[in-house]
N, C-alpha and C. Protein backbone atom coordinates (compact mmCIF):
# COMPACT_ATOMS: atom_id res chain seq x y z
N UNK A 1 88.01 2.52 80.61
CA UNK A 1 88.75 3.89 80.32
C UNK A 1 89.40 3.49 78.99
N UNK A 2 89.95 1.92 78.73
CA UNK A 2 90.83 1.91 77.31
C UNK A 2 89.82 1.93 76.40
N UNK A 3 88.64 1.85 76.17
CA UNK A 3 87.57 2.04 75.18
C UNK A 3 86.98 3.49 74.96
N UNK A 4 87.12 4.32 76.00
CA UNK A 4 86.97 5.84 75.61
C UNK A 4 88.38 6.22 75.14
N UNK A 5 89.53 5.78 75.12
CA UNK A 5 90.75 6.72 74.88
C UNK A 5 90.14 5.77 73.35
N UNK A 6 90.08 4.63 73.22
CA UNK A 6 90.34 3.81 71.87
C UNK A 6 88.93 4.82 70.58
N UNK A 7 87.85 4.99 71.48
CA UNK A 7 86.40 5.80 70.66
C UNK A 7 87.48 7.41 70.13
N UNK A 8 88.45 8.01 71.30
CA UNK A 8 88.44 9.20 71.11
C UNK A 8 89.78 9.04 69.67
N UNK A 9 90.28 8.18 69.87
CA UNK A 9 91.18 8.44 69.09
C UNK A 9 90.63 7.24 67.46
N UNK A 10 89.76 6.88 67.58
CA UNK A 10 88.91 6.52 65.73
C UNK A 10 88.49 7.83 66.14
N UNK A 11 87.45 8.86 66.69
CA UNK A 11 87.16 9.89 66.51
C UNK A 11 87.92 11.14 65.91
N UNK A 12 88.86 10.92 66.55
CA UNK A 12 89.63 12.36 65.84
C UNK A 12 90.63 11.99 64.70
N UNK A 13 90.83 10.45 64.33
CA UNK A 13 91.27 9.86 62.82
C UNK A 13 89.94 10.48 62.21
N UNK A 14 88.79 10.22 62.30
CA UNK A 14 87.69 9.78 61.24
C UNK A 14 87.78 11.49 61.05
N UNK A 15 87.79 12.69 62.03
CA UNK A 15 87.62 14.12 61.58
C UNK A 15 89.23 14.74 61.29
N UNK A 16 89.78 13.72 61.14
CA UNK A 16 91.37 14.15 60.46
C UNK A 16 92.09 15.20 61.47
N UNK A 17 91.89 15.10 62.68
CA UNK A 17 92.98 15.75 63.85
C UNK A 17 94.10 15.29 64.23
N UNK A 18 94.95 15.48 63.34
CA UNK A 18 96.13 14.85 63.80
C UNK A 18 97.04 15.20 65.27
N UNK A 19 96.68 16.75 65.35
CA UNK A 19 96.87 17.63 66.03
C UNK A 19 96.67 16.46 67.93
N UNK A 20 95.27 15.93 67.57
CA UNK A 20 94.31 15.01 68.40
C UNK A 20 95.05 14.08 68.43
N UNK A 21 95.14 13.07 67.86
CA UNK A 21 95.81 12.22 67.86
C UNK A 21 97.55 12.42 68.08
N UNK A 22 98.34 13.17 67.93
CA UNK A 22 99.26 13.32 68.82
C UNK A 22 99.27 13.87 69.96
N UNK A 23 98.51 14.45 70.22
CA UNK A 23 98.10 14.61 72.10
C UNK A 23 97.69 13.06 72.77
N UNK A 24 96.85 12.75 71.96
CA UNK A 24 96.64 11.45 72.79
C UNK A 24 98.25 10.43 72.63
N UNK A 25 98.50 10.16 71.90
CA UNK A 25 99.65 9.67 72.09
C UNK A 25 101.03 9.69 72.64
N UNK A 26 101.26 10.62 73.13
CA UNK A 26 101.66 11.58 74.07
C UNK A 26 101.28 10.95 75.67
N UNK A 27 100.06 11.49 75.63
CA UNK A 27 99.55 10.92 77.08
C UNK A 27 99.30 9.50 77.36
N UNK A 28 99.34 8.40 76.19
CA UNK A 28 99.38 7.47 76.38
C UNK A 28 101.11 6.79 76.12
N UNK A 29 101.53 7.76 76.07
CA UNK A 29 103.90 7.03 76.47
C UNK A 29 103.75 7.57 77.47
N UNK A 30 102.91 8.75 78.20
CA UNK A 30 103.19 9.40 79.56
C UNK A 30 102.63 8.02 80.82
N UNK A 31 101.39 7.63 80.64
CA UNK A 31 100.44 6.12 81.19
C UNK A 31 101.46 5.19 80.90
N UNK A 32 102.62 5.29 80.01
CA UNK A 32 103.03 3.80 79.36
C UNK A 32 104.44 3.68 80.66
N UNK A 33 105.33 4.94 80.64
CA UNK A 33 106.49 5.14 80.94
C UNK A 33 105.91 5.26 82.73
N UNK A 34 104.66 5.27 83.15
CA UNK A 34 104.20 5.61 84.96
C UNK A 34 104.32 4.05 84.84
N UNK A 35 103.99 3.42 83.78
CA UNK A 35 103.73 1.99 84.36
C UNK A 35 104.82 1.13 84.44
N UNK A 36 105.75 2.00 83.67
CA UNK A 36 107.31 1.08 83.63
C UNK A 36 107.93 1.04 84.71
N UNK A 37 107.65 2.84 85.18
CA UNK A 37 108.05 2.84 86.66
C UNK A 37 107.65 2.11 87.75
N UNK A 38 106.14 1.84 87.76
CA UNK A 38 105.66 1.06 88.77
C UNK A 38 106.10 -0.44 88.83
N UNK A 39 106.51 -1.31 87.27
CA UNK A 39 106.47 -2.63 87.51
C UNK A 39 107.94 -2.47 88.16
N UNK A 40 109.58 -1.83 87.71
CA UNK A 40 110.40 -1.48 88.44
C UNK A 40 110.71 -1.91 89.24
N UNK A 41 109.46 -1.00 90.55
CA UNK A 41 109.86 -0.66 91.92
C UNK A 41 108.99 -1.76 92.21
N UNK A 42 107.97 -2.39 91.45
CA UNK A 42 106.94 -3.37 92.01
C UNK A 42 107.81 -4.84 92.39
N UNK A 43 108.91 -5.05 90.98
CA UNK A 43 109.62 -6.26 91.03
C UNK A 43 110.80 -6.10 91.75
N UNK A 44 110.99 -5.48 92.40
CA UNK A 44 112.38 -5.17 93.42
C UNK A 44 111.76 -5.51 94.76
N UNK A 45 110.73 -4.97 94.92
CA UNK A 45 109.90 -4.87 96.29
C UNK A 45 109.46 -6.34 96.71
N UNK A 46 108.61 -6.64 95.27
CA UNK A 46 108.09 -8.31 95.75
C UNK A 46 108.64 -9.43 94.48
N UNK A 47 109.42 -9.58 94.09
CA UNK A 47 109.95 -10.29 93.30
C UNK A 47 110.53 -11.71 94.00
N UNK A 48 110.46 -11.55 95.18
CA UNK A 48 111.13 -12.94 95.82
C UNK A 48 109.75 -13.32 96.56
N UNK A 49 108.60 -12.56 96.43
CA UNK A 49 107.33 -13.01 97.07
C UNK A 49 106.49 -13.52 95.85
N UNK A 50 106.79 -13.22 94.67
CA UNK A 50 105.81 -14.48 93.58
C UNK A 50 106.81 -15.52 93.38
N UNK A 51 105.71 -16.55 94.43
CA UNK A 51 105.81 -17.69 93.50
C UNK A 51 105.49 -18.17 92.82
N UNK A 52 105.92 -18.82 92.07
CA UNK A 52 105.27 -19.47 90.47
C UNK A 52 104.49 -20.38 90.81
N UNK A 53 104.51 -21.36 92.11
CA UNK A 53 103.66 -22.56 92.26
C UNK A 53 102.59 -21.65 92.84
N UNK A 54 102.79 -20.34 93.40
CA UNK A 54 101.53 -20.54 94.07
C UNK A 54 100.99 -18.86 93.32
N UNK A 55 99.91 -18.76 92.68
CA UNK A 55 99.68 -17.64 91.50
C UNK A 55 98.36 -17.09 92.46
N UNK A 56 97.89 -17.57 93.08
CA UNK A 56 96.97 -16.98 94.15
C UNK A 56 97.05 -16.51 94.71
N UNK A 57 97.50 -15.37 94.93
CA UNK A 57 97.87 -14.37 96.08
C UNK A 57 97.57 -12.83 95.69
N UNK A 58 97.97 -11.79 96.78
CA UNK A 58 97.13 -10.46 95.57
C UNK A 58 98.53 -9.64 94.85
N UNK A 59 99.32 -10.18 95.74
CA UNK A 59 100.49 -9.89 95.09
C UNK A 59 100.60 -10.03 93.27
N UNK A 60 100.10 -11.44 93.11
CA UNK A 60 100.15 -12.18 91.69
C UNK A 60 98.92 -11.53 90.90
N UNK A 61 97.66 -11.13 91.98
CA UNK A 61 96.23 -10.81 91.19
C UNK A 61 96.89 -9.24 90.77
N UNK A 62 97.61 -8.27 91.43
CA UNK A 62 98.12 -6.76 91.13
C UNK A 62 98.87 -6.82 90.05
N UNK A 63 99.77 -8.18 89.93
CA UNK A 63 100.54 -8.07 88.94
C UNK A 63 99.94 -8.65 87.55
N UNK A 64 98.95 -8.93 87.61
CA UNK A 64 98.36 -9.30 86.62
C UNK A 64 96.98 -8.01 85.73
N UNK A 65 96.32 -8.00 86.86
CA UNK A 65 96.02 -6.54 86.69
C UNK A 65 96.74 -5.41 86.24
N UNK A 66 97.71 -5.14 86.39
CA UNK A 66 98.87 -4.23 86.09
C UNK A 66 99.45 -4.45 84.57
N UNK A 67 99.52 -5.67 83.98
CA UNK A 67 100.02 -6.39 83.23
C UNK A 67 98.85 -6.43 82.01
N UNK A 68 97.65 -6.49 82.40
CA UNK A 68 96.46 -6.14 81.55
C UNK A 68 96.41 -4.92 80.71
N UNK A 69 96.60 -3.73 82.16
CA UNK A 69 96.30 -2.86 81.94
C UNK A 69 97.84 -2.21 80.70
N UNK A 70 98.94 -2.51 81.15
CA UNK A 70 100.06 -2.28 80.53
C UNK A 70 99.60 -2.78 78.85
N UNK A 71 99.50 -3.83 79.15
CA UNK A 71 99.04 -4.31 77.31
C UNK A 71 97.91 -3.34 76.69
N UNK A 72 96.86 -3.05 76.87
CA UNK A 72 95.58 -1.59 76.39
C UNK A 72 96.46 -1.14 76.07
N UNK A 73 97.26 -0.48 77.12
CA UNK A 73 97.95 0.93 76.80
C UNK A 73 99.17 0.68 75.84
N UNK A 74 99.62 -0.40 75.54
CA UNK A 74 100.58 -0.84 74.35
C UNK A 74 99.89 -0.90 73.08
N UNK A 75 98.43 -1.29 73.11
CA UNK A 75 97.42 -1.29 72.26
C UNK A 75 97.22 -0.23 72.09
N UNK A 76 97.13 0.80 72.62
CA UNK A 76 96.37 1.76 72.28
C UNK A 76 97.50 2.92 71.56
N UNK A 77 98.51 2.70 71.93
CA UNK A 77 99.65 3.47 71.17
C UNK A 77 99.85 2.97 69.79
N UNK A 78 99.72 1.60 69.47
CA UNK A 78 99.71 0.85 68.40
C UNK A 78 98.77 1.67 67.44
N UNK A 79 97.52 1.44 67.91
CA UNK A 79 96.62 2.05 67.15
C UNK A 79 96.95 3.35 66.69
N UNK A 80 97.26 4.44 67.72
CA UNK A 80 97.32 5.41 67.81
C UNK A 80 98.64 5.74 66.54
N UNK A 81 99.49 4.97 66.59
CA UNK A 81 100.57 5.28 65.66
C UNK A 81 100.23 4.94 64.02
N UNK A 82 99.00 3.65 63.70
CA UNK A 82 98.33 3.37 62.74
C UNK A 82 97.85 4.44 62.26
N UNK A 83 96.85 5.32 62.61
CA UNK A 83 96.47 6.69 62.30
C UNK A 83 96.84 7.85 62.39
N UNK A 84 98.04 7.61 62.82
CA UNK A 84 98.59 8.81 62.35
C UNK A 84 99.43 8.57 61.45
N UNK A 85 100.03 7.45 60.76
CA UNK A 85 100.31 7.20 59.54
C UNK A 85 99.88 7.31 58.69
N UNK A 86 98.25 7.06 58.87
CA UNK A 86 97.26 7.46 57.83
C UNK A 86 96.79 8.13 57.62
N UNK A 87 97.27 9.32 58.44
CA UNK A 87 97.36 11.11 58.44
C UNK A 87 98.96 11.87 58.39
N UNK A 88 99.56 11.32 57.58
CA UNK A 88 100.79 11.80 57.97
C UNK A 88 100.96 13.05 56.90
N UNK A 89 100.14 12.86 55.72
CA UNK A 89 100.46 14.25 54.86
C UNK A 89 99.49 14.78 55.31
N UNK A 90 98.96 15.50 56.48
CA UNK A 90 98.24 15.93 57.21
C UNK A 90 99.24 16.73 58.24
N UNK A 91 100.00 16.67 58.79
CA UNK A 91 100.84 17.02 59.50
C UNK A 91 101.32 18.37 59.53
C-alpha cells in the first residue's frame, strides 16, 4: 500500500499536479488520525497486558505492526509536504 502511495506522490509531483498532491496529503492525514484513535483505544485496553519482559505476544505483534504502519504513513506525509513545497508557486 505505502509503495503505491509513494509512487502516486512522485507521479503527481512529476506531473505538477498540486491538487492530487493535496488530495493524497489529506487522505494520509485521515489515515494518521484513524491510527491515532486506534492507539488511544488500544493502549487504554491493553496497556496493562503489555509486559515489557514478554514481547512475543499477539498484543505486542499487533502493536509493532501498527507502529510500523503509522511510521510509514508519517513518512509519506513528510514526502508529500516536501513535494508540495517544491510546487508552492503552482498553488
